[in-house]
Every structure is written in C-alpha cells, then in structure tokens.
Amino acid sequence: MVEDGDILSCQAKEYFDRISKNMDEADTAFALHMLSEFLSRYHNKKVIILLDEYDTPMQEASVNGFWDLMAGFIRQLFNATWQGVG
C-alpha cells in the first residue's frame, strides 16, 4: 500500500533496505532492475542504463577458471535488468 505522497510502497521500501553487499545472487541480479524502477517512479521519467566495461570481469573469470559462474551471473543480471523493458 502506498501512502499519500509516497512514491514507493512499503514492500518496495523493504526491498530497497535489503540491498547490500551481502545480498544473495538473485537479489543482486534483480537489484539494478528495481533501482531503475525506483528512479523512474521518483523522477517520473524513463531510466537509461549505460553499461560499460563488463568485459573486464568476464576476461578475469575466464583466466581464473570461473567463467561458467560469471557467465551465469551476467546472464541473470541482464535478464533481470531488462525484463519488461520495451
């Protein structure tokens, strides 16, 4: 339920408060999507996400033997971030 003058519902505020460096992988992947949604509501404008330099961590993952883990996370991040965009 959204109170008068509030942009975020109680559930959205609870989600925002859970965002931290210690959150699980699923919340991490979905966080960018939710944060862009919150920004859009606050400013009443569409949000543009500029993505640069994601290839560097992918290269490091390849060199250090955790390509599958990183590729899976990046895939999950991209899917969650741009769900419902269009």
PDB file of N, CA and C in Angstrom:
ATOM      1  N   MET A   1       0.843  -1.186   0.000  1.00  0.00           N
ATOM      2  CA  MET A   1       0.000   0.000   0.000  1.00  0.00           C
ATOM      3  C   MET A   1       0.887   1.248   0.000  1.00  0.00           C
ATOM      4  N   VAL A   2       0.596   2.181  -0.864  1.00  0.00           N
ATOM      5  CA  VAL A   2       1.350   3.425  -0.960  1.00  0.00           C
ATOM      6  C   VAL A   2       0.595   4.499  -0.201  1.00  0.00           C
ATOM      7  N   GLU A   3       1.295   5.159   0.725  1.00  0.00           N
ATOM      8  CA  GLU A   3       0.692   6.242   1.490  1.00  0.00           C
ATOM      9  C   GLU A   3       0.683   7.515   0.664  1.00  0.00           C
ATOM     10  N   ASP A   4      -0.204   8.459   1.002  1.00  0.00           N
ATOM     11  CA  ASP A   4      -0.265   9.731   0.289  1.00  0.00           C
ATOM     12  C   ASP A   4       1.109  10.387   0.269  1.00  0.00           C
ATOM     13  N   GLY A   5       1.554  10.791  -0.922  1.00  0.00           N
ATOM     14  CA  GLY A   5       2.832  11.467  -1.050  1.00  0.00           C
ATOM     15  C   GLY A   5       4.025  10.534  -1.170  1.00  0.00           C
ATOM     16  N   ASP A   6       3.829   9.244  -0.887  1.00  0.00           N
ATOM     17  CA  ASP A   6       4.923   8.286  -1.008  1.00  0.00           C
ATOM     18  C   ASP A   6       4.988   7.756  -2.444  1.00  0.00           C
ATOM     19  N   ILE A   7       6.180   7.593  -2.925  1.00  0.00           N
ATOM     20  CA  ILE A   7       6.369   7.055  -4.269  1.00  0.00           C
ATOM     21  C   ILE A   7       6.492   5.538  -4.218  1.00  0.00           C
ATOM     22  N   LEU A   8       7.103   5.031  -3.150  1.00  0.00           N
ATOM     23  CA  LEU A   8       7.326   3.597  -3.019  1.00  0.00           C
ATOM     24  C   LEU A   8       6.359   2.988  -2.008  1.00  0.00           C
ATOM     25  N   SER A   9       5.916   1.788  -2.325  1.00  0.00           N
ATOM     26  CA  SER A   9       5.073   1.046  -1.390  1.00  0.00           C
ATOM     27  C   SER A   9       5.934   0.567  -0.227  1.00  0.00           C
ATOM     28  N   CYS A  10       5.292   0.069   0.813  1.00  0.00           N
ATOM     29  CA  CYS A  10       6.033  -0.488   1.955  1.00  0.00           C
ATOM     30  C   CYS A  10       6.911  -1.652   1.502  1.00  0.00           C
ATOM     31  N   GLN A  11       6.387  -2.494   0.595  1.00  0.00           N
ATOM     32  CA  GLN A  11       7.174  -3.626   0.086  1.00  0.00           C
ATOM     33  C   GLN A  11       8.398  -3.139  -0.680  1.00  0.00           C
ATOM     34  N   ALA A  12       8.242  -2.108  -1.484  1.00  0.00           N
ATOM     35  CA  ALA A  12       9.371  -1.570  -2.245  1.00  0.00           C
ATOM     36  C   ALA A  12      10.426  -0.995  -1.299  1.00  0.00           C
ATOM     37  N   LYS A  13       9.976  -0.320  -0.251  1.00  0.00           N
ATOM     38  CA  LYS A  13      10.916   0.228   0.731  1.00  0.00           C
ATOM     39  C   LYS A  13      11.667  -0.891   1.453  1.00  0.00           C
ATOM     40  N   GLU A  14      10.964  -1.970   1.773  1.00  0.00           N
ATOM     41  CA  GLU A  14      11.614  -3.122   2.411  1.00  0.00           C
ATOM     42  C   GLU A  14      12.650  -3.725   1.471  1.00  0.00           C
ATOM     43  N   TYR A  15      12.317  -3.851   0.184  1.00  0.00           N
ATOM     44  CA  TYR A  15      13.278  -4.382  -0.784  1.00  0.00           C
ATOM     45  C   TYR A  15      14.497  -3.471  -0.854  1.00  0.00           C
ATOM     46  N   PHE A  16      14.275  -2.170  -0.971  1.00  0.00           N
ATOM     47  CA  PHE A  16      15.373  -1.207  -1.049  1.00  0.00           C
ATOM     48  C   PHE A  16      16.291  -1.334   0.164  1.00  0.00           C
ATOM     49  N   ASP A  17      15.720  -1.519   1.338  1.00  0.00           N
ATOM     50  CA  ASP A  17      16.516  -1.653   2.562  1.00  0.00           C
ATOM     51  C   ASP A  17      17.335  -2.936   2.593  1.00  0.00           C
ATOM     52  N   ARG A  18      16.921  -3.970   1.832  1.00  0.00           N
ATOM     53  CA  ARG A  18      17.655  -5.246   1.793  1.00  0.00           C
ATOM     54  C   ARG A  18      18.858  -5.206   0.864  1.00  0.00           C
ATOM     55  N   ILE A  19      18.939  -4.190   0.004  1.00  0.00           N
ATOM     56  CA  ILE A  19      20.035  -4.113  -0.950  1.00  0.00           C
ATOM     57  C   ILE A  19      21.322  -3.794  -0.191  1.00  0.00           C
ATOM     58  N   SER A  20      22.291  -4.684  -0.310  1.00  0.00           N
ATOM     59  CA  SER A  20      23.568  -4.501   0.374  1.00  0.00           C
ATOM     60  C   SER A  20      24.629  -5.361  -0.300  1.00  0.00           C
ATOM     61  N   LYS A  21      25.853  -5.200   0.129  1.00  0.00           N
ATOM     62  CA  LYS A  21      26.935  -6.011  -0.431  1.00  0.00           C
ATOM     63  C   LYS A  21      26.829  -7.466   0.000  1.00  0.00           C
ATOM     64  N   ASN A  22      25.993  -7.765   0.977  1.00  0.00           N
ATOM     65  CA  ASN A  22      25.849  -9.132   1.474  1.00  0.00           C
ATOM     66  C   ASN A  22      24.611  -9.858   0.944  1.00  0.00           C
ATOM     67  N   MET A  23      23.901  -9.265  -0.023  1.00  0.00           N
ATOM     68  CA  MET A  23      22.687  -9.904  -0.525  1.00  0.00           C
ATOM     69  C   MET A  23      23.029 -11.107  -1.395  1.00  0.00           C
ATOM     70  N   ASP A  24      22.050 -11.979  -1.568  1.00  0.00           N
ATOM     71  CA  ASP A  24      22.304 -13.182  -2.351  1.00  0.00           C
ATOM     72  C   ASP A  24      22.341 -12.860  -3.845  1.00  0.00           C
ATOM     73  N   GLU A  25      22.754 -13.835  -4.637  1.00  0.00           N
ATOM     74  CA  GLU A  25      22.963 -13.628  -6.066  1.00  0.00           C
ATOM     75  C   GLU A  25      21.682 -13.225  -6.791  1.00  0.00           C
ATOM     76  N   ALA A  26      20.562 -13.827  -6.428  1.00  0.00           N
ATOM     77  CA  ALA A  26      19.293 -13.498  -7.089  1.00  0.00           C
ATOM     78  C   ALA A  26      18.910 -12.045  -6.823  1.00  0.00           C
ATOM     79  N   ASP A  27      19.039 -11.593  -5.575  1.00  0.00           N
ATOM     80  CA  ASP A  27      18.738 -10.191  -5.253  1.00  0.00           C
ATOM     81  C   ASP A  27      19.715  -9.254  -5.951  1.00  0.00           C
ATOM     82  N   THR A  28      20.965  -9.652  -6.052  1.00  0.00           N
ATOM     83  CA  THR A  28      21.965  -8.828  -6.727  1.00  0.00           C
ATOM     84  C   THR A  28      21.595  -8.627  -8.190  1.00  0.00           C
ATOM     85  N   ALA A  29      21.213  -9.696  -8.855  1.00  0.00           N
ATOM     86  CA  ALA A  29      20.862  -9.608 -10.272  1.00  0.00           C
ATOM     87  C   ALA A  29      19.617  -8.758 -10.487  1.00  0.00           C
ATOM     88  N   PHE A  30      18.670  -8.825  -9.576  1.00  0.00           N
ATOM     89  CA  PHE A  30      17.412  -8.103  -9.720  1.00  0.00           C
ATOM     90  C   PHE A  30      17.510  -6.654  -9.230  1.00  0.00           C
ATOM     91  N   ALA A  31      18.548  -6.330  -8.453  1.00  0.00           N
ATOM     92  CA  ALA A  31      18.668  -5.015  -7.828  1.00  0.00           C
ATOM     93  C   ALA A  31      18.745  -3.880  -8.841  1.00  0.00           C
ATOM     94  N   LEU A  32      19.472  -4.053  -9.922  1.00  0.00           N
ATOM     95  CA  LEU A  32      19.597  -2.984 -10.910  1.00  0.00           C
ATOM     96  C   LEU A  32      18.246  -2.681 -11.546  1.00  0.00           C
ATOM     97  N   HIS A  33      17.475  -3.725 -11.819  1.00  0.00           N
ATOM     98  CA  HIS A  33      16.128  -3.538 -12.365  1.00  0.00           C
ATOM     99  C   HIS A  33      15.266  -2.746 -11.387  1.00  0.00           C
ATOM    100  N   MET A  34      15.273  -3.148 -10.124  1.00  0.00           N
ATOM    101  CA  MET A  34      14.440  -2.484  -9.124  1.00  0.00           C
ATOM    102  C   MET A  34      14.904  -1.046  -8.872  1.00  0.00           C
ATOM    103  N   LEU A  35      16.202  -0.833  -8.795  1.00  0.00           N
ATOM    104  CA  LEU A  35      16.699   0.528  -8.571  1.00  0.00           C
ATOM    105  C   LEU A  35      16.333   1.451  -9.735  1.00  0.00           C
ATOM    106  N   SER A  36      16.388   0.933 -10.962  1.00  0.00           N
ATOM    107  CA  SER A  36      15.982   1.760 -12.099  1.00  0.00           C
ATOM    108  C   SER A  36      14.478   2.031 -12.054  1.00  0.00           C
ATOM    109  N   GLU A  37      13.703   1.053 -11.593  1.00  0.00           N
ATOM    110  CA  GLU A  37      12.266   1.261 -11.415  1.00  0.00           C
ATOM    111  C   GLU A  37      12.000   2.347 -10.364  1.00  0.00           C
ATOM    112  N   PHE A  38      12.720   2.300  -9.249  1.00  0.00           N
ATOM    113  CA  PHE A  38      12.564   3.309  -8.201  1.00  0.00           C
ATOM    114  C   PHE A  38      12.925   4.706  -8.733  1.00  0.00           C
ATOM    115  N   LEU A  39      14.018   4.806  -9.484  1.00  0.00           N
ATOM    116  CA  LEU A  39      14.420   6.091 -10.055  1.00  0.00           C
ATOM    117  C   LEU A  39      13.365   6.626 -11.020  1.00  0.00           C
ATOM    118  N   SER A  40      12.822   5.727 -11.831  1.00  0.00           N
ATOM    119  CA  SER A  40      11.790   6.117 -12.780  1.00  0.00           C
ATOM    120  C   SER A  40      10.563   6.663 -12.065  1.00  0.00           C
ATOM    121  N   ARG A  41      10.150   5.995 -10.999  1.00  0.00           N
ATOM    122  CA  ARG A  41       8.997   6.481 -10.228  1.00  0.00           C
ATOM    123  C   ARG A  41       9.292   7.839  -9.591  1.00  0.00           C
ATOM    124  N   TYR A  42      10.476   7.980  -9.024  1.00  0.00           N
ATOM    125  CA  TYR A  42      10.830   9.209  -8.319  1.00  0.00           C
ATOM    126  C   TYR A  42      10.871  10.409  -9.266  1.00  0.00           C
ATOM    127  N   HIS A  43      11.528  10.224 -10.419  1.00  0.00           N
ATOM    128  CA  HIS A  43      11.709  11.329 -11.359  1.00  0.00           C
ATOM    129  C   HIS A  43      10.606  11.408 -12.402  1.00  0.00           C
ATOM    130  N   ASN A  44       9.748  10.394 -12.435  1.00  0.00           N
ATOM    131  CA  ASN A  44       8.662  10.321 -13.411  1.00  0.00           C
ATOM    132  C   ASN A  44       9.195  10.418 -14.842  1.00  0.00           C
ATOM    133  N   LYS A  45      10.313   9.722 -15.071  1.00  0.00           N
ATOM    134  CA  LYS A  45      10.948   9.672 -16.386  1.00  0.00           C
ATOM    135  C   LYS A  45      11.493   8.273 -16.607  1.00  0.00           C
ATOM    136  N   LYS A  46      11.697   7.931 -17.882  1.00  0.00           N
ATOM    137  CA  LYS A  46      12.334   6.659 -18.188  1.00  0.00           C
ATOM    138  C   LYS A  46      13.800   6.718 -17.781  1.00  0.00           C
ATOM    139  N   VAL A  47      14.337   5.568 -17.405  1.00  0.00           N
ATOM    140  CA  VAL A  47      15.726   5.471 -16.963  1.00  0.00           C
ATOM    141  C   VAL A  47      16.560   4.871 -18.094  1.00  0.00           C
ATOM    142  N   ILE A  48      17.731   5.419 -18.276  1.00  0.00           N
ATOM    143  CA  ILE A  48      18.686   4.886 -19.246  1.00  0.00           C
ATOM    144  C   ILE A  48      19.813   4.232 -18.470  1.00  0.00           C
ATOM    145  N   ILE A  49      20.095   2.980 -18.787  1.00  0.00           N
ATOM    146  CA  ILE A  49      21.190   2.256 -18.148  1.00  0.00           C
ATOM    147  C   ILE A  49      22.332   2.164 -19.152  1.00  0.00           C
ATOM    148  N   LEU A  50      23.453   2.741 -18.790  1.00  0.00           N
ATOM    149  CA  LEU A  50      24.652   2.672 -19.624  1.00  0.00           C
ATOM    150  C   LEU A  50      25.560   1.599 -19.047  1.00  0.00           C
ATOM    151  N   LEU A  51      25.925   0.653 -19.859  1.00  0.00           N
ATOM    152  CA  LEU A  51      26.726  -0.469 -19.402  1.00  0.00           C
ATOM    153  C   LEU A  51      28.072  -0.440 -20.115  1.00  0.00           C
ATOM    154  N   ASP A  52      29.136  -0.359 -19.337  1.00  0.00           N
ATOM    155  CA  ASP A  52      30.475  -0.278 -19.905  1.00  0.00           C
ATOM    156  C   ASP A  52      31.412  -1.143 -19.076  1.00  0.00           C
ATOM    157  N   GLU A  53      32.394  -1.709 -19.720  1.00  0.00           N
ATOM    158  CA  GLU A  53      33.473  -2.440 -19.044  1.00  0.00           C
ATOM    159  C   GLU A  53      33.054  -3.745 -18.374  1.00  0.00           C
ATOM    160  N   TYR A  54      31.942  -4.350 -18.786  1.00  0.00           N
ATOM    161  CA  TYR A  54      31.615  -5.647 -18.208  1.00  0.00           C
ATOM    162  C   TYR A  54      32.507  -6.743 -18.767  1.00  0.00           C
ATOM    163  N   ASP A  55      33.220  -6.452 -19.850  1.00  0.00           N
ATOM    164  CA  ASP A  55      34.097  -7.449 -20.446  1.00  0.00           C
ATOM    165  C   ASP A  55      35.331  -7.732 -19.583  1.00  0.00           C
ATOM    166  N   THR A  56      35.766  -6.760 -18.780  1.00  0.00           N
ATOM    167  CA  THR A  56      36.936  -6.965 -17.926  1.00  0.00           C
ATOM    168  C   THR A  56      36.701  -8.058 -16.888  1.00  0.00           C
ATOM    169  N   PRO A  57      35.612  -8.022 -16.112  1.00  0.00           N
ATOM    170  CA  PRO A  57      35.389  -9.130 -15.180  1.00  0.00           C
ATOM    171  C   PRO A  57      35.174 -10.463 -15.892  1.00  0.00           C
ATOM    172  N   MET A  58      34.610 -10.422 -17.102  1.00  0.00           N
ATOM    173  CA  MET A  58      34.428 -11.672 -17.857  1.00  0.00           C
ATOM    174  C   MET A  58      35.797 -12.254 -18.249  1.00  0.00           C
ATOM    175  N   GLN A  59      36.712 -11.389 -18.666  1.00  0.00           N
ATOM    176  CA  GLN A  59      38.060 -11.830 -19.012  1.00  0.00           C
ATOM    177  C   GLN A  59      38.757 -12.429 -17.789  1.00  0.00           C
ATOM    178  N   GLU A  60      38.647 -11.762 -16.658  1.00  0.00           N
ATOM    179  CA  GLU A  60      39.253 -12.268 -15.419  1.00  0.00           C
ATOM    180  C   GLU A  60      38.647 -13.618 -15.026  1.00  0.00           C
ATOM    181  N   ALA A  61      37.357 -13.750 -15.212  1.00  0.00           N
ATOM    182  CA  ALA A  61      36.698 -15.024 -14.903  1.00  0.00           C
ATOM    183  C   ALA A  61      37.233 -16.134 -15.800  1.00  0.00           C
ATOM    184  N   SER A  62      37.454 -15.810 -17.050  1.00  0.00           N
ATOM    185  CA  SER A  62      37.984 -16.805 -17.987  1.00  0.00           C
ATOM    186  C   SER A  62      39.402 -17.222 -17.598  1.00  0.00           C
ATOM    187  N   VAL A  63      40.232 -16.244 -17.296  1.00  0.00           N
ATOM    188  CA  VAL A  63      41.627 -16.504 -16.945  1.00  0.00           C
ATOM    189  C   VAL A  63      41.745 -17.273 -15.634  1.00  0.00           C
ATOM    190  N   ASN A  64      40.858 -16.989 -14.685  1.00  0.00           N
ATOM    191  CA  ASN A  64      40.968 -17.570 -13.351  1.00  0.00           C
ATOM    192  C   ASN A  64      40.055 -18.764 -13.095  1.00  0.00           C
ATOM    193  N   GLY A  65      39.452 -19.286 -14.141  1.00  0.00           N
ATOM    194  CA  GLY A  65      38.744 -20.552 -14.027  1.00  0.00           C
ATOM    195  C   GLY A  65      37.331 -20.516 -13.465  1.00  0.00           C
ATOM    196  N   PHE A  66      36.670 -19.364 -13.494  1.00  0.00           N
ATOM    197  CA  PHE A  66      35.280 -19.362 -13.041  1.00  0.00           C
ATOM    198  C   PHE A  66      34.358 -18.704 -14.077  1.00  0.00           C
ATOM    199  N   TRP A  67      34.652 -19.018 -15.346  1.00  0.00           N
ATOM    200  CA  TRP A  67      33.864 -18.494 -16.455  1.00  0.00           C
ATOM    201  C   TRP A  67      32.387 -18.863 -16.346  1.00  0.00           C
ATOM    202  N   ASP A  68      32.087 -20.129 -16.097  1.00  0.00           N
ATOM    203  CA  ASP A  68      30.689 -20.572 -16.056  1.00  0.00           C
ATOM    204  C   ASP A  68      29.897 -19.842 -14.972  1.00  0.00           C
ATOM    205  N   LEU A  69      30.503 -19.666 -13.818  1.00  0.00           N
ATOM    206  CA  LEU A  69      29.841 -18.958 -12.719  1.00  0.00           C
ATOM    207  C   LEU A  69      29.574 -17.501 -13.095  1.00  0.00           C
ATOM    208  N   MET A  70      30.576 -16.835 -13.643  1.00  0.00           N
ATOM    209  CA  MET A  70      30.435 -15.423 -14.006  1.00  0.00           C
ATOM    210  C   MET A  70      29.463 -15.255 -15.178  1.00  0.00           C
ATOM    211  N   ALA A  71      29.561 -16.104 -16.181  1.00  0.00           N
ATOM    212  CA  ALA A  71      28.664 -16.014 -17.333  1.00  0.00           C
ATOM    213  C   ALA A  71      27.215 -16.214 -16.896  1.00  0.00           C
ATOM    214  N   GLY A  72      26.988 -17.144 -15.982  1.00  0.00           N
ATOM    215  CA  GLY A  72      25.642 -17.367 -15.460  1.00  0.00           C
ATOM    216  C   GLY A  72      25.119 -16.148 -14.719  1.00  0.00           C
ATOM    217  N   PHE A  73      25.969 -15.548 -13.908  1.00  0.00           N
ATOM    218  CA  PHE A  73      25.548 -14.359 -13.164  1.00  0.00           C
ATOM    219  C   PHE A  73      25.258 -13.197 -14.111  1.00  0.00           C
ATOM    220  N   ILE A  74      26.135 -12.956 -15.078  1.00  0.00           N
ATOM    221  CA  ILE A  74      25.932 -11.856 -16.029  1.00  0.00           C
ATOM    222  C   ILE A  74      24.646 -12.079 -16.818  1.00  0.00           C
ATOM    223  N   ARG A  75      24.390 -13.307 -17.233  1.00  0.00           N
ATOM    224  CA  ARG A  75      23.149 -13.630 -17.948  1.00  0.00           C
ATOM    225  C   ARG A  75      21.936 -13.307 -17.067  1.00  0.00           C
ATOM    226  N   GLN A  76      22.000 -13.728 -15.805  1.00  0.00           N
ATOM    227  CA  GLN A  76      20.914 -13.473 -14.862  1.00  0.00           C
ATOM    228  C   GLN A  76      20.737 -11.965 -14.638  1.00  0.00           C
ATOM    229  N   LEU A  77      21.845 -11.254 -14.514  1.00  0.00           N
ATOM    230  CA  LEU A  77      21.808  -9.802 -14.322  1.00  0.00           C
ATOM    231  C   LEU A  77      21.149  -9.104 -15.507  1.00  0.00           C
ATOM    232  N   PHE A  78      21.574  -9.451 -16.721  1.00  0.00           N
ATOM    233  CA  PHE A  78      20.996  -8.827 -17.909  1.00  0.00           C
ATOM    234  C   PHE A  78      19.514  -9.139 -18.030  1.00  0.00           C
ATOM    235  N   ASN A  79      19.148 -10.394 -17.824  1.00  0.00           N
ATOM    236  CA  ASN A  79      17.736 -10.778 -17.929  1.00  0.00           C
ATOM    237  C   ASN A  79      16.883 -10.042 -16.913  1.00  0.00           C
ATOM    238  N   ALA A  80      17.342  -9.953 -15.681  1.00  0.00           N
ATOM    239  CA  ALA A  80      16.578  -9.284 -14.630  1.00  0.00           C
ATOM    240  C   ALA A  80      16.510  -7.772 -14.862  1.00  0.00           C
ATOM    241  N   THR A  81      17.607  -7.186 -15.326  1.00  0.00           N
ATOM    242  CA  THR A  81      17.661  -5.744 -15.505  1.00  0.00           C
ATOM    243  C   THR A  81      16.695  -5.272 -16.580  1.00  0.00           C
ATOM    244  N   TRP A  82      16.640  -5.994 -17.682  1.00  0.00           N
ATOM    245  CA  TRP A  82      15.839  -5.521 -18.805  1.00  0.00           C
ATOM    246  C   TRP A  82      14.503  -6.247 -18.940  1.00  0.00           C
ATOM    247  N   GLN A  83      14.057  -6.927 -17.921  1.00  0.00           N
ATOM    248  CA  GLN A  83      12.747  -7.561 -18.007  1.00  0.00           C
ATOM    249  C   GLN A  83      11.677  -6.483 -18.047  1.00  0.00           C
ATOM    250  N   GLY A  84      10.756  -6.659 -18.910  1.00  0.00           N
ATOM    251  CA  GLY A  84       9.659  -5.704 -19.015  1.00  0.00           C
ATOM    252  C   GLY A  84      10.017  -4.403 -19.712  1.00  0.00           C
ATOM    253  N   VAL A  85      11.243  -4.288 -20.239  1.00  0.00           N
ATOM    254  CA  VAL A  85      11.649  -3.075 -20.945  1.00  0.00           C
ATOM    255  C   VAL A  85      11.231  -3.203 -22.399  1.00  0.00           C
ATOM    256  N   GLY A  86      10.711  -2.132 -22.929  1.00  0.00           N
ATOM    257  CA  GLY A  86      10.373  -2.181 -24.342  1.00  0.00           C
ATOM    258  C   GLY A  86       9.222  -1.320 -24.714  1.00  0.00           C
TER     259      GLY A  86
END
